[in-house]
Amino acid sequence: MSRLVKVMITSLAILLVGAISVLIVVLNVEGAEELSIDKVVKYSYETEEIVTDLQDGTFVRIQFRILTDGKEAHEEISLRDFQLVNILIKELALMDEEAFKEGLGDLEATLKDSLNEVMTEGTITDVYTINKILQ
C-alpha cells in the first residue's frame, strides 16, 4: 500500500471519529431534560423584601425569586443571602428612579451573573422580580 493511501485512510478514520463525537455531544445537549415546574418551585429561593435608596434619594422596596439548578444550589443561595443583599444595594445605589424603571431586566441579569460568580455548588438559572415599590 502506498504512503498516500495510508494517509488518506488515517485521515478519514480521524474525521469519522470526530464526526461521531460531535454527533453524540449535540444529541446529549438537545436531549437535556428541563426541570419540572414542581422542581423549579422546590429549588427556588424567595428573598425577603429589601428596602434601600437609589442614587437620587428615592426609596425602593423590592423582592426576588431566584431559581437554582438543584438542591445544593438552593441551600447555598439561602446561606448567601447577605451577599445577595450587598450586591443589590451596590447596584441600586448607582441607579436613579428612571434607570430603575427602565432597567429592571438588566438588574435581574446583573444579580444573576454576580451571584453565579460567588456560587460554588450549582448555579442560578434565573432571577424574577416578584414585588417592587418605588417611594
Protein backbone atom coordinates (compact mmCIF):
# COMPACT_ATOMS: atom_id res chain seq x y z
CA MET A 1 0.00 0.00 0.00
CA SER A 2 1.37 3.37 -0.88
CA ARG A 3 2.01 6.06 1.65
CA LEU A 4 -0.70 8.30 0.15
CA VAL A 5 -3.39 5.65 0.64
CA LYS A 6 -2.34 5.11 4.28
CA VAL A 7 -2.51 8.86 4.98
CA MET A 8 -5.95 9.09 3.33
CA ILE A 9 -7.34 6.15 5.32
CA THR A 10 -5.93 7.53 8.58
CA SER A 11 -7.35 10.99 7.86
CA LEU A 12 -10.74 9.51 7.01
CA ALA A 13 -10.77 7.46 10.23
CA ILE A 14 -9.91 10.56 12.31
CA LEU A 15 -12.65 12.59 10.60
CA LEU A 16 -15.16 9.79 11.19
CA VAL A 17 -14.32 9.56 14.90
CA GLY A 18 -14.56 13.37 15.21
CA ALA A 19 -17.93 13.48 13.45
CA ILE A 20 -19.33 10.73 15.70
CA SER A 21 -18.07 12.58 18.80
CA VAL A 22 -19.71 15.82 17.69
CA LEU A 23 -22.96 13.99 16.95
CA ILE A 24 -23.00 12.39 20.41
CA VAL A 25 -22.38 15.74 22.12
CA VAL A 26 -25.09 17.51 20.10
CA LEU A 27 -27.66 14.80 20.78
CA ASN A 28 -26.92 14.86 24.52
CA VAL A 29 -27.28 18.64 24.68
CA GLU A 30 -30.58 18.61 22.79
CA GLY A 31 -31.89 15.76 24.92
CA ALA A 32 -31.14 17.53 28.21
CA GLU A 33 -34.19 17.34 30.40
CA GLU A 34 -35.79 20.52 31.73
CA LEU A 35 -36.75 20.66 35.40
CA SER A 36 -40.44 20.12 36.06
CA ILE A 37 -42.40 23.06 37.47
CA ASP A 38 -42.56 21.28 40.84
CA LYS A 39 -38.77 21.07 41.00
CA VAL A 40 -38.41 24.65 39.80
CA VAL A 41 -40.57 25.82 42.70
CA LYS A 42 -38.82 23.46 45.13
CA TYR A 43 -35.36 24.74 44.15
CA SER A 44 -36.27 28.43 44.02
CA TYR A 45 -35.40 30.89 46.77
CA GLU A 46 -37.60 33.84 47.69
CA THR A 47 -35.76 36.79 49.18
CA GLU A 48 -37.07 38.95 51.96
CA GLU A 49 -38.31 42.40 50.96
CA ILE A 50 -35.29 44.65 50.66
CA VAL A 51 -35.65 48.40 51.24
CA THR A 52 -32.89 50.74 50.08
CA ASP A 53 -32.41 54.10 48.42
CA LEU A 54 -31.48 54.91 44.85
CA GLN A 55 -28.87 57.42 43.74
CA ASP A 56 -31.42 60.26 43.59
CA GLY A 57 -32.74 59.60 47.11
CA THR A 58 -35.83 57.68 46.02
CA PHE A 59 -36.59 54.62 48.12
CA VAL A 60 -37.34 51.24 46.63
CA ARG A 61 -38.77 48.11 48.21
CA ILE A 62 -38.03 45.03 46.12
CA GLN A 63 -38.27 41.25 46.37
CA PHE A 64 -36.95 38.48 44.10
CA ARG A 65 -37.48 34.79 43.41
CA ILE A 66 -34.18 33.19 42.48
CA LEU A 67 -34.26 29.92 40.54
CA THR A 68 -31.42 27.45 41.05
CA ASP A 69 -30.46 24.27 39.23
CA GLY A 70 -30.78 21.90 42.20
CA LYS A 71 -30.89 21.19 45.90
CA GLU A 72 -27.26 22.10 46.62
CA ALA A 73 -27.54 25.46 44.88
CA HIS A 74 -30.80 26.20 46.71
CA GLU A 75 -29.16 25.52 50.07
CA GLU A 76 -26.14 27.63 49.15
CA ILE A 77 -28.13 30.67 47.99
CA SER A 78 -30.11 30.67 51.22
CA LEU A 79 -26.79 30.85 53.10
CA ARG A 80 -25.50 33.61 50.79
CA ASP A 81 -28.49 35.89 51.45
CA PHE A 82 -26.22 38.58 52.93
CA GLN A 83 -24.15 38.64 49.72
CA LEU A 84 -27.31 38.94 47.65
CA VAL A 85 -28.41 41.98 49.68
CA ASN A 86 -24.93 43.51 49.40
CA ILE A 87 -24.86 43.08 45.60
CA LEU A 88 -28.33 44.53 45.31
CA ILE A 89 -27.58 47.59 47.46
CA LYS A 90 -24.43 48.33 45.45
CA GLU A 91 -26.30 48.03 42.14
CA LEU A 92 -29.27 50.13 43.24
CA ALA A 93 -27.02 52.85 44.65
CA LEU A 94 -25.86 53.52 41.08
CA MET A 95 -29.39 53.88 39.67
CA ASP A 96 -31.83 56.76 39.72
CA GLU A 97 -35.62 56.38 39.52
CA GLU A 98 -35.74 56.45 35.71
CA ALA A 99 -32.88 53.95 35.34
CA PHE A 100 -34.61 51.66 37.84
CA LYS A 101 -37.91 51.75 35.94
CA GLU A 102 -36.27 51.08 32.57
CA GLY A 103 -33.51 48.71 33.71
CA LEU A 104 -35.26 46.14 35.86
CA GLY A 105 -34.36 43.33 33.43
CA ASP A 106 -30.74 44.46 33.47
CA LEU A 107 -30.79 44.46 37.27
CA GLU A 108 -32.08 40.88 37.29
CA ALA A 109 -29.36 39.80 34.83
CA THR A 110 -26.64 41.56 36.84
CA LEU A 111 -27.89 39.94 40.04
CA LYS A 112 -27.84 36.51 38.37
CA ASP A 113 -24.32 36.98 36.99
CA SER A 114 -22.94 38.38 40.25
CA LEU A 115 -24.43 35.56 42.31
CA ASN A 116 -23.11 32.92 39.90
CA GLU A 117 -19.62 34.35 40.39
CA VAL A 118 -19.75 33.57 44.13
CA MET A 119 -21.68 30.27 43.93
CA THR A 120 -19.67 27.08 44.40
CA GLU A 121 -22.48 24.47 44.41
CA GLY A 122 -24.70 24.71 41.34
CA THR A 123 -25.84 27.83 39.53
CA ILE A 124 -28.54 30.46 39.46
CA THR A 125 -30.64 29.83 36.37
CA ASP A 126 -32.94 32.85 36.55
CA VAL A 127 -33.96 35.81 38.71
CA TYR A 128 -37.52 37.15 38.78
CA THR A 129 -38.72 40.35 40.40
CA ILE A 130 -41.86 39.42 42.30
CA ASN A 131 -42.50 42.67 44.17
CA LYS A 132 -41.34 46.26 43.72
CA ILE A 133 -42.48 49.58 45.10
CA LEU A 134 -40.92 52.98 44.40
CA GLN A 135 -41.46 55.60 47.11
